[in-house]
Amino acid sequence: MRFLDRRKRDDSGRRENLVFGAGIVGNLLALEAFRALLGLPAAASGRVIVFDFMESTSKKHVVLRKLWCSACFATKAKVEATT
């Protein structure tokens, strides 16, 4: 809030969007849980979605996979151990 106070201008029209932020995030999480229960791929799979409620915008950023990362590339032994 200090950031908003230092700006010295009226942002009341933009701050209204912050109230709905919790509901939007909750609905998106519920959608992802529903998709997981149905066995569908996640909508944000391989991406990070950033919501800016002050500007009412969203951006999608692709997550790059690293060949040496064990979380990015499951090995055959790792897959067999989990099943």
PDB file of N, CA and C in Angstrom:
ATOM      1  N   MET A   1       0.812  -1.184   0.000  1.00  0.00           N
ATOM      2  CA  MET A   1       0.000   0.000   0.000  1.00  0.00           C
ATOM      3  C   MET A   1       0.861   1.256   0.000  1.00  0.00           C
ATOM      4  N   ARG A   2       2.057   1.166   0.544  1.00  0.00           N
ATOM      5  CA  ARG A   2       2.925   2.341   0.537  1.00  0.00           C
ATOM      6  C   ARG A   2       3.225   2.788  -0.887  1.00  0.00           C
ATOM      7  N   PHE A   3       3.372   1.811  -1.783  1.00  0.00           N
ATOM      8  CA  PHE A   3       3.619   2.138  -3.190  1.00  0.00           C
ATOM      9  C   PHE A   3       2.488   2.998  -3.741  1.00  0.00           C
ATOM     10  N   LEU A   4       1.244   2.617  -3.451  1.00  0.00           N
ATOM     11  CA  LEU A   4       0.104   3.374  -3.950  1.00  0.00           C
ATOM     12  C   LEU A   4       0.024   4.750  -3.307  1.00  0.00           C
ATOM     13  N   ASP A   5       0.406   4.845  -2.040  1.00  0.00           N
ATOM     14  CA  ASP A   5       0.370   6.137  -1.360  1.00  0.00           C
ATOM     15  C   ASP A   5       1.422   7.097  -1.906  1.00  0.00           C
ATOM     16  N   ARG A   6       2.560   6.570  -2.335  1.00  0.00           N
ATOM     17  CA  ARG A   6       3.632   7.416  -2.869  1.00  0.00           C
ATOM     18  C   ARG A   6       3.313   7.957  -4.251  1.00  0.00           C
ATOM     19  N   ARG A   7       2.370   7.378  -4.940  1.00  0.00           N
ATOM     20  CA  ARG A   7       2.081   7.803  -6.309  1.00  0.00           C
ATOM     21  C   ARG A   7       1.357   9.137  -6.365  1.00  0.00           C
ATOM     22  N   LYS A   8       0.706   9.544  -5.310  1.00  0.00           N
ATOM     23  CA  LYS A   8       0.053  10.861  -5.194  1.00  0.00           C
ATOM     24  C   LYS A   8      -0.985  11.118  -6.283  1.00  0.00           C
ATOM     25  N   ARG A   9      -1.731  10.092  -6.660  1.00  0.00           N
ATOM     26  CA  ARG A   9      -2.836  10.319  -7.575  1.00  0.00           C
ATOM     27  C   ARG A   9      -3.975   9.357  -7.235  1.00  0.00           C
ATOM     28  N   ASP A  10      -5.136   9.681  -7.687  1.00  0.00           N
ATOM     29  CA  ASP A  10      -6.326   8.906  -7.355  1.00  0.00           C
ATOM     30  C   ASP A  10      -6.389   7.647  -8.209  1.00  0.00           C
ATOM     31  N   ASP A  11      -6.284   6.511  -7.553  1.00  0.00           N
ATOM     32  CA  ASP A  11      -6.386   5.222  -8.231  1.00  0.00           C
ATOM     33  C   ASP A  11      -7.632   4.474  -7.810  1.00  0.00           C
ATOM     34  N   SER A  12      -8.612   5.167  -7.282  1.00  0.00           N
ATOM     35  CA  SER A  12      -9.787   4.471  -6.769  1.00  0.00           C
ATOM     36  C   SER A  12     -10.503   3.693  -7.867  1.00  0.00           C
ATOM     37  N   GLY A  13     -10.479   4.186  -9.085  1.00  0.00           N
ATOM     38  CA  GLY A  13     -11.102   3.465 -10.187  1.00  0.00           C
ATOM     39  C   GLY A  13     -10.374   2.178 -10.523  1.00  0.00           C
ATOM     40  N   ARG A  14      -9.096   2.155 -10.312  1.00  0.00           N
ATOM     41  CA  ARG A  14      -8.303   0.963 -10.594  1.00  0.00           C
ATOM     42  C   ARG A  14      -8.255   0.033  -9.395  1.00  0.00           C
ATOM     43  N   ARG A  15      -8.342   0.553  -8.196  1.00  0.00           N
ATOM     44  CA  ARG A  15      -8.311  -0.288  -7.005  1.00  0.00           C
ATOM     45  C   ARG A  15      -9.556  -1.149  -6.888  1.00  0.00           C
ATOM     46  N   GLU A  16     -10.616  -0.761  -7.571  1.00  0.00           N
ATOM     47  CA  GLU A  16     -11.834  -1.562  -7.556  1.00  0.00           C
ATOM     48  C   GLU A  16     -11.564  -2.976  -8.056  1.00  0.00           C
ATOM     49  N   ASN A  17     -10.641  -3.126  -8.980  1.00  0.00           N
ATOM     50  CA  ASN A  17     -10.337  -4.430  -9.561  1.00  0.00           C
ATOM     51  C   ASN A  17      -9.733  -5.387  -8.549  1.00  0.00           C
ATOM     52  N   LEU A  18      -9.092  -4.865  -7.528  1.00  0.00           N
ATOM     53  CA  LEU A  18      -8.443  -5.724  -6.541  1.00  0.00           C
ATOM     54  C   LEU A  18      -9.460  -6.540  -5.750  1.00  0.00           C
ATOM     55  N   VAL A  19     -10.652  -6.037  -5.578  1.00  0.00           N
ATOM     56  CA  VAL A  19     -11.684  -6.744  -4.815  1.00  0.00           C
ATOM     57  C   VAL A  19     -12.040  -8.055  -5.503  1.00  0.00           C
ATOM     58  N   PHE A  20     -12.087  -8.053  -6.803  1.00  0.00           N
ATOM     59  CA  PHE A  20     -12.490  -9.243  -7.550  1.00  0.00           C
ATOM     60  C   PHE A  20     -11.341 -10.212  -7.772  1.00  0.00           C
ATOM     61  N   GLY A  21     -10.134  -9.829  -7.419  1.00  0.00           N
ATOM     62  CA  GLY A  21      -8.969 -10.675  -7.646  1.00  0.00           C
ATOM     63  C   GLY A  21      -9.044 -12.014  -6.948  1.00  0.00           C
ATOM     64  N   ALA A  22      -9.495 -12.038  -5.703  1.00  0.00           N
ATOM     65  CA  ALA A  22      -9.579 -13.297  -4.953  1.00  0.00           C
ATOM     66  C   ALA A  22     -10.581 -14.242  -5.604  1.00  0.00           C
ATOM     67  N   GLY A  23     -11.695 -13.713  -6.059  1.00  0.00           N
ATOM     68  CA  GLY A  23     -12.698 -14.558  -6.716  1.00  0.00           C
ATOM     69  C   GLY A  23     -12.206 -15.135  -8.020  1.00  0.00           C
ATOM     70  N   ILE A  24     -11.503 -14.337  -8.788  1.00  0.00           N
ATOM     71  CA  ILE A  24     -10.978 -14.807 -10.070  1.00  0.00           C
ATOM     72  C   ILE A  24      -9.940 -15.899  -9.850  1.00  0.00           C
ATOM     73  N   VAL A  25      -9.041 -15.674  -8.909  1.00  0.00           N
ATOM     74  CA  VAL A  25      -8.009 -16.679  -8.616  1.00  0.00           C
ATOM     75  C   VAL A  25      -8.652 -17.960  -8.090  1.00  0.00           C
ATOM     76  N   GLY A  26      -9.639 -17.837  -7.231  1.00  0.00           N
ATOM     77  CA  GLY A  26     -10.339 -19.018  -6.708  1.00  0.00           C
ATOM     78  C   GLY A  26     -11.030 -19.798  -7.809  1.00  0.00           C
ATOM     79  N   ASN A  27     -11.661 -19.100  -8.740  1.00  0.00           N
ATOM     80  CA  ASN A  27     -12.325 -19.782  -9.860  1.00  0.00           C
ATOM     81  C   ASN A  27     -11.324 -20.479 -10.765  1.00  0.00           C
ATOM     82  N   LEU A  28     -10.179 -19.860 -11.008  1.00  0.00           N
ATOM     83  CA  LEU A  28      -9.158 -20.501 -11.839  1.00  0.00           C
ATOM     84  C   LEU A  28      -8.581 -21.746 -11.170  1.00  0.00           C
ATOM     85  N   LEU A  29      -8.378 -21.674  -9.855  1.00  0.00           N
ATOM     86  CA  LEU A  29      -7.880 -22.851  -9.136  1.00  0.00           C
ATOM     87  C   LEU A  29      -8.909 -23.980  -9.151  1.00  0.00           C
ATOM     88  N   ALA A  30     -10.178 -23.636  -8.989  1.00  0.00           N
ATOM     89  CA  ALA A  30     -11.230 -24.651  -9.042  1.00  0.00           C
ATOM     90  C   ALA A  30     -11.298 -25.289 -10.428  1.00  0.00           C
ATOM     91  N   LEU A  31     -11.130 -24.485 -11.474  1.00  0.00           N
ATOM     92  CA  LEU A  31     -11.130 -25.009 -12.838  1.00  0.00           C
ATOM     93  C   LEU A  31      -9.979 -25.982 -13.039  1.00  0.00           C
ATOM     94  N   GLU A  32      -8.798 -25.631 -12.545  1.00  0.00           N
ATOM     95  CA  GLU A  32      -7.645 -26.532 -12.678  1.00  0.00           C
ATOM     96  C   GLU A  32      -7.856 -27.825 -11.896  1.00  0.00           C
ATOM     97  N   ALA A  33      -8.455 -27.737 -10.706  1.00  0.00           N
ATOM     98  CA  ALA A  33      -8.741 -28.941  -9.920  1.00  0.00           C
ATOM     99  C   ALA A  33      -9.757 -29.822 -10.645  1.00  0.00           C
ATOM    100  N   PHE A  34     -10.768 -29.222 -11.226  1.00  0.00           N
ATOM    101  CA  PHE A  34     -11.779 -29.957 -11.976  1.00  0.00           C
ATOM    102  C   PHE A  34     -11.155 -30.660 -13.174  1.00  0.00           C
ATOM    103  N   ARG A  35     -10.274 -29.956 -13.882  1.00  0.00           N
ATOM    104  CA  ARG A  35      -9.590 -30.561 -15.028  1.00  0.00           C
ATOM    105  C   ARG A  35      -8.712 -31.736 -14.580  1.00  0.00           C
ATOM    106  N   ALA A  36      -8.058 -31.589 -13.422  1.00  0.00           N
ATOM    107  CA  ALA A  36      -7.213 -32.677 -12.917  1.00  0.00           C
ATOM    108  C   ALA A  36      -8.061 -33.896 -12.552  1.00  0.00           C
ATOM    109  N   LEU A  37      -9.226 -33.678 -11.957  1.00  0.00           N
ATOM    110  CA  LEU A  37     -10.109 -34.787 -11.597  1.00  0.00           C
ATOM    111  C   LEU A  37     -10.633 -35.520 -12.828  1.00  0.00           C
ATOM    112  N   LEU A  38     -10.850 -34.790 -13.911  1.00  0.00           N
ATOM    113  CA  LEU A  38     -11.333 -35.400 -15.148  1.00  0.00           C
ATOM    114  C   LEU A  38     -10.215 -36.019 -15.979  1.00  0.00           C
ATOM    115  N   GLY A  39      -8.960 -35.763 -15.586  1.00  0.00           N
ATOM    116  CA  GLY A  39      -7.826 -36.303 -16.325  1.00  0.00           C
ATOM    117  C   GLY A  39      -7.475 -35.491 -17.558  1.00  0.00           C
ATOM    118  N   LEU A  40      -7.960 -34.268 -17.636  1.00  0.00           N
ATOM    119  CA  LEU A  40      -7.636 -33.386 -18.764  1.00  0.00           C
ATOM    120  C   LEU A  40      -6.320 -32.666 -18.501  1.00  0.00           C
ATOM    121  N   PRO A  41      -5.624 -32.252 -19.549  1.00  0.00           N
ATOM    122  CA  PRO A  41      -4.383 -31.509 -19.321  1.00  0.00           C
ATOM    123  C   PRO A  41      -4.674 -30.144 -18.703  1.00  0.00           C
ATOM    124  N   ALA A  42      -3.762 -29.677 -17.891  1.00  0.00           N
ATOM    125  CA  ALA A  42      -3.920 -28.383 -17.231  1.00  0.00           C
ATOM    126  C   ALA A  42      -3.861 -27.263 -18.260  1.00  0.00           C
ATOM    127  N   ALA A  43      -4.673 -26.236 -18.048  1.00  0.00           N
ATOM    128  CA  ALA A  43      -4.704 -25.106 -18.983  1.00  0.00           C
ATOM    129  C   ALA A  43      -3.391 -24.329 -18.944  1.00  0.00           C
ATOM    130  N   ALA A  44      -2.748 -24.320 -17.792  1.00  0.00           N
ATOM    131  CA  ALA A  44      -1.511 -23.559 -17.642  1.00  0.00           C
ATOM    132  C   ALA A  44      -0.276 -24.462 -17.715  1.00  0.00           C
ATOM    133  N   SER A  45      -0.413 -25.618 -18.307  1.00  0.00           N
ATOM    134  CA  SER A  45       0.695 -26.564 -18.385  1.00  0.00           C
ATOM    135  C   SER A  45       1.846 -25.974 -19.202  1.00  0.00           C
ATOM    136  N   GLY A  46       3.010 -25.876 -18.576  1.00  0.00           N
ATOM    137  CA  GLY A  46       4.179 -25.337 -19.257  1.00  0.00           C
ATOM    138  C   GLY A  46       4.209 -23.827 -19.338  1.00  0.00           C
ATOM    139  N   ARG A  47       3.300 -23.167 -18.619  1.00  0.00           N
ATOM    140  CA  ARG A  47       3.231 -21.713 -18.652  1.00  0.00           C
ATOM    141  C   ARG A  47       3.000 -21.175 -17.247  1.00  0.00           C
ATOM    142  N   VAL A  48       3.400 -19.945 -17.058  1.00  0.00           N
ATOM    143  CA  VAL A  48       3.080 -19.194 -15.845  1.00  0.00           C
ATOM    144  C   VAL A  48       2.182 -18.048 -16.284  1.00  0.00           C
ATOM    145  N   ILE A  49       1.019 -17.947 -15.645  1.00  0.00           N
ATOM    146  CA  ILE A  49       0.087 -16.886 -15.986  1.00  0.00           C
ATOM    147  C   ILE A  49       0.173 -15.818 -14.904  1.00  0.00           C
ATOM    148  N   VAL A  50       0.442 -14.580 -15.309  1.00  0.00           N
ATOM    149  CA  VAL A  50       0.585 -13.467 -14.378  1.00  0.00           C
ATOM    150  C   VAL A  50      -0.596 -12.523 -14.583  1.00  0.00           C
ATOM    151  N   PHE A  51      -1.347 -12.306 -13.506  1.00  0.00           N
ATOM    152  CA  PHE A  51      -2.486 -11.398 -13.555  1.00  0.00           C
ATOM    153  C   PHE A  51      -2.107 -10.091 -12.872  1.00  0.00           C
ATOM    154  N   ASP A  52      -2.336  -8.984 -13.552  1.00  0.00           N
ATOM    155  CA  ASP A  52      -2.115  -7.663 -12.982  1.00  0.00           C
ATOM    156  C   ASP A  52      -3.491  -7.028 -12.787  1.00  0.00           C
ATOM    157  N   PHE A  53      -3.987  -7.075 -11.552  1.00  0.00           N
ATOM    158  CA  PHE A  53      -5.326  -6.586 -11.288  1.00  0.00           C
ATOM    159  C   PHE A  53      -5.387  -5.063 -11.262  1.00  0.00           C
ATOM    160  N   MET A  54      -4.265  -4.408 -11.092  1.00  0.00           N
ATOM    161  CA  MET A  54      -4.260  -2.949 -11.140  1.00  0.00           C
ATOM    162  C   MET A  54      -4.479  -2.458 -12.572  1.00  0.00           C
ATOM    163  N   GLU A  55      -3.919  -3.154 -13.532  1.00  0.00           N
ATOM    164  CA  GLU A  55      -4.052  -2.774 -14.934  1.00  0.00           C
ATOM    165  C   GLU A  55      -5.112  -3.587 -15.666  1.00  0.00           C
ATOM    166  N   SER A  56      -5.691  -4.582 -14.992  1.00  0.00           N
ATOM    167  CA  SER A  56      -6.691  -5.487 -15.589  1.00  0.00           C
ATOM    168  C   SER A  56      -6.129  -6.201 -16.814  1.00  0.00           C
ATOM    169  N   THR A  57      -4.918  -6.742 -16.662  1.00  0.00           N
ATOM    170  CA  THR A  57      -4.282  -7.464 -17.759  1.00  0.00           C
ATOM    171  C   THR A  57      -3.777  -8.813 -17.259  1.00  0.00           C
ATOM    172  N   SER A  58      -3.511  -9.705 -18.179  1.00  0.00           N
ATOM    173  CA  SER A  58      -2.880 -10.976 -17.860  1.00  0.00           C
ATOM    174  C   SER A  58      -1.853 -11.283 -18.940  1.00  0.00           C
ATOM    175  N   LYS A  59      -0.793 -11.967 -18.540  1.00  0.00           N
ATOM    176  CA  LYS A  59       0.277 -12.340 -19.460  1.00  0.00           C
ATOM    177  C   LYS A  59       0.623 -13.798 -19.234  1.00  0.00           C
ATOM    178  N   LYS A  60       0.932 -14.491 -20.302  1.00  0.00           N
ATOM    179  CA  LYS A  60       1.361 -15.880 -20.211  1.00  0.00           C
ATOM    180  C   LYS A  60       2.837 -15.943 -20.557  1.00  0.00           C
ATOM    181  N   HIS A  61       3.592 -16.611 -19.701  1.00  0.00           N
ATOM    182  CA  HIS A  61       5.031 -16.773 -19.910  1.00  0.00           C
ATOM    183  C   HIS A  61       5.327 -18.261 -20.045  1.00  0.00           C
ATOM    184  N   VAL A  62       6.034 -18.628 -21.078  1.00  0.00           N
ATOM    185  CA  VAL A  62       6.395 -20.021 -21.305  1.00  0.00           C
ATOM    186  C   VAL A  62       7.543 -20.397 -20.378  1.00  0.00           C
ATOM    187  N   VAL A  63       7.433 -21.564 -19.753  1.00  0.00           N
ATOM    188  CA  VAL A  63       8.491 -22.082 -18.888  1.00  0.00           C
ATOM    189  C   VAL A  63       9.391 -22.958 -19.740  1.00  0.00           C
ATOM    190  N   LEU A  64      10.657 -22.592 -19.804  1.00  0.00           N
ATOM    191  CA  LEU A  64      11.610 -23.353 -20.603  1.00  0.00           C
ATOM    192  C   LEU A  64      12.027 -24.613 -19.863  1.00  0.00           C
ATOM    193  N   ARG A  65      12.077 -25.710 -20.582  1.00  0.00           N
ATOM    194  CA  ARG A  65      12.480 -26.986 -19.992  1.00  0.00           C
ATOM    195  C   ARG A  65      13.979 -27.166 -20.167  1.00  0.00           C
ATOM    196  N   LYS A  66      14.641 -27.577 -19.101  1.00  0.00           N
ATOM    197  CA  LYS A  66      16.086 -27.814 -19.125  1.00  0.00           C
ATOM    198  C   LYS A  66      16.341 -29.323 -19.228  1.00  0.00           C
ATOM    199  N   LEU A  67      17.244 -29.715 -20.097  1.00  0.00           N
ATOM    200  CA  LEU A  67      17.512 -31.137 -20.308  1.00  0.00           C
ATOM    201  C   LEU A  67      18.036 -31.832 -19.056  1.00  0.00           C
ATOM    202  N   TRP A  68      18.769 -31.132 -18.225  1.00  0.00           N
ATOM    203  CA  TRP A  68      19.373 -31.737 -17.041  1.00  0.00           C
ATOM    204  C   TRP A  68      18.452 -31.691 -15.818  1.00  0.00           C
ATOM    205  N   CYS A  69      17.303 -31.090 -15.942  1.00  0.00           N
ATOM    206  CA  CYS A  69      16.387 -30.942 -14.803  1.00  0.00           C
ATOM    207  C   CYS A  69      15.539 -32.200 -14.639  1.00  0.00           C
ATOM    208  N   SER A  70      15.607 -32.804 -13.461  1.00  0.00           N
ATOM    209  CA  SER A  70      14.843 -34.036 -13.221  1.00  0.00           C
ATOM    210  C   SER A  70      13.345 -33.765 -13.109  1.00  0.00           C
ATOM    211  N   ALA A  71      12.941 -32.548 -12.774  1.00  0.00           N
ATOM    212  CA  ALA A  71      11.520 -32.216 -12.691  1.00  0.00           C
ATOM    213  C   ALA A  71      10.932 -31.974 -14.087  1.00  0.00           C
ATOM    214  N   CYS A  72      11.735 -31.472 -15.004  1.00  0.00           N
ATOM    215  CA  CYS A  72      11.249 -31.173 -16.357  1.00  0.00           C
ATOM    216  C   CYS A  72      11.144 -32.427 -17.212  1.00  0.00           C
ATOM    217  N   PHE A  73      12.095 -33.325 -17.082  1.00  0.00           N
ATOM    218  CA  PHE A  73      12.133 -34.538 -17.891  1.00  0.00           C
ATOM    219  C   PHE A  73      12.180 -35.748 -16.968  1.00  0.00           C
ATOM    220  N   ALA A  74      11.083 -36.449 -16.915  1.00  0.00           N
ATOM    221  CA  ALA A  74      11.018 -37.658 -16.074  1.00  0.00           C
ATOM    222  C   ALA A  74      11.786 -38.783 -16.761  1.00  0.00           C
ATOM    223  N   THR A  75      12.640 -39.436 -15.989  1.00  0.00           N
ATOM    224  CA  THR A  75      13.375 -40.581 -16.540  1.00  0.00           C
ATOM    225  C   THR A  75      12.485 -41.818 -16.513  1.00  0.00           C
ATOM    226  N   LYS A  76      12.828 -42.816 -17.273  1.00  0.00           N
ATOM    227  CA  LYS A  76      12.020 -44.042 -17.356  1.00  0.00           C
ATOM    228  C   LYS A  76      11.948 -44.708 -15.988  1.00  0.00           C
ATOM    229  N   ALA A  77      13.045 -44.756 -15.239  1.00  0.00           N
ATOM    230  CA  ALA A  77      13.069 -45.380 -13.917  1.00  0.00           C
ATOM    231  C   ALA A  77      12.182 -44.609 -12.954  1.00  0.00           C
ATOM    232  N   LYS A  78      12.187 -43.305 -13.069  1.00  0.00           N
ATOM    233  CA  LYS A  78      11.369 -42.463 -12.188  1.00  0.00           C
ATOM    234  C   LYS A  78       9.880 -42.701 -12.449  1.00  0.00           C
ATOM    235  N   VAL A  79       9.503 -42.831 -13.726  1.00  0.00           N
ATOM    236  CA  VAL A  79       8.098 -43.083 -14.078  1.00  0.00           C
ATOM    237  C   VAL A  79       7.657 -44.436 -13.595  1.00  0.00           C
ATOM    238  N   GLU A  80       8.508 -45.459 -13.756  1.00  0.00           N
ATOM    239  CA  GLU A  80       8.163 -46.814 -13.325  1.00  0.00           C
ATOM    240  C   GLU A  80       8.060 -46.894 -11.805  1.00  0.00           C
ATOM    241  N   ALA A  81       8.850 -46.120 -11.086  1.00  0.00           N
ATOM    242  CA  ALA A  81       8.818 -46.147  -9.629  1.00  0.00           C
ATOM    243  C   ALA A  81       7.534 -45.542  -9.082  1.00  0.00           C
ATOM    244  N   THR A  82       6.955 -44.596  -9.787  1.00  0.00           N
ATOM    245  CA  THR A  82       5.729 -43.936  -9.309  1.00  0.00           C
ATOM    246  C   THR A  82       4.490 -44.735  -9.651  1.00  0.00           C
ATOM    247  N   THR A  83       4.588 -45.685 -10.583  1.00  0.00           N
ATOM    248  CA  THR A  83       3.397 -46.477 -10.962  1.00  0.00           C
ATOM    249  C   THR A  83       3.368 -47.818 -10.307  1.00  0.00           C
TER     250      THR A  83
END
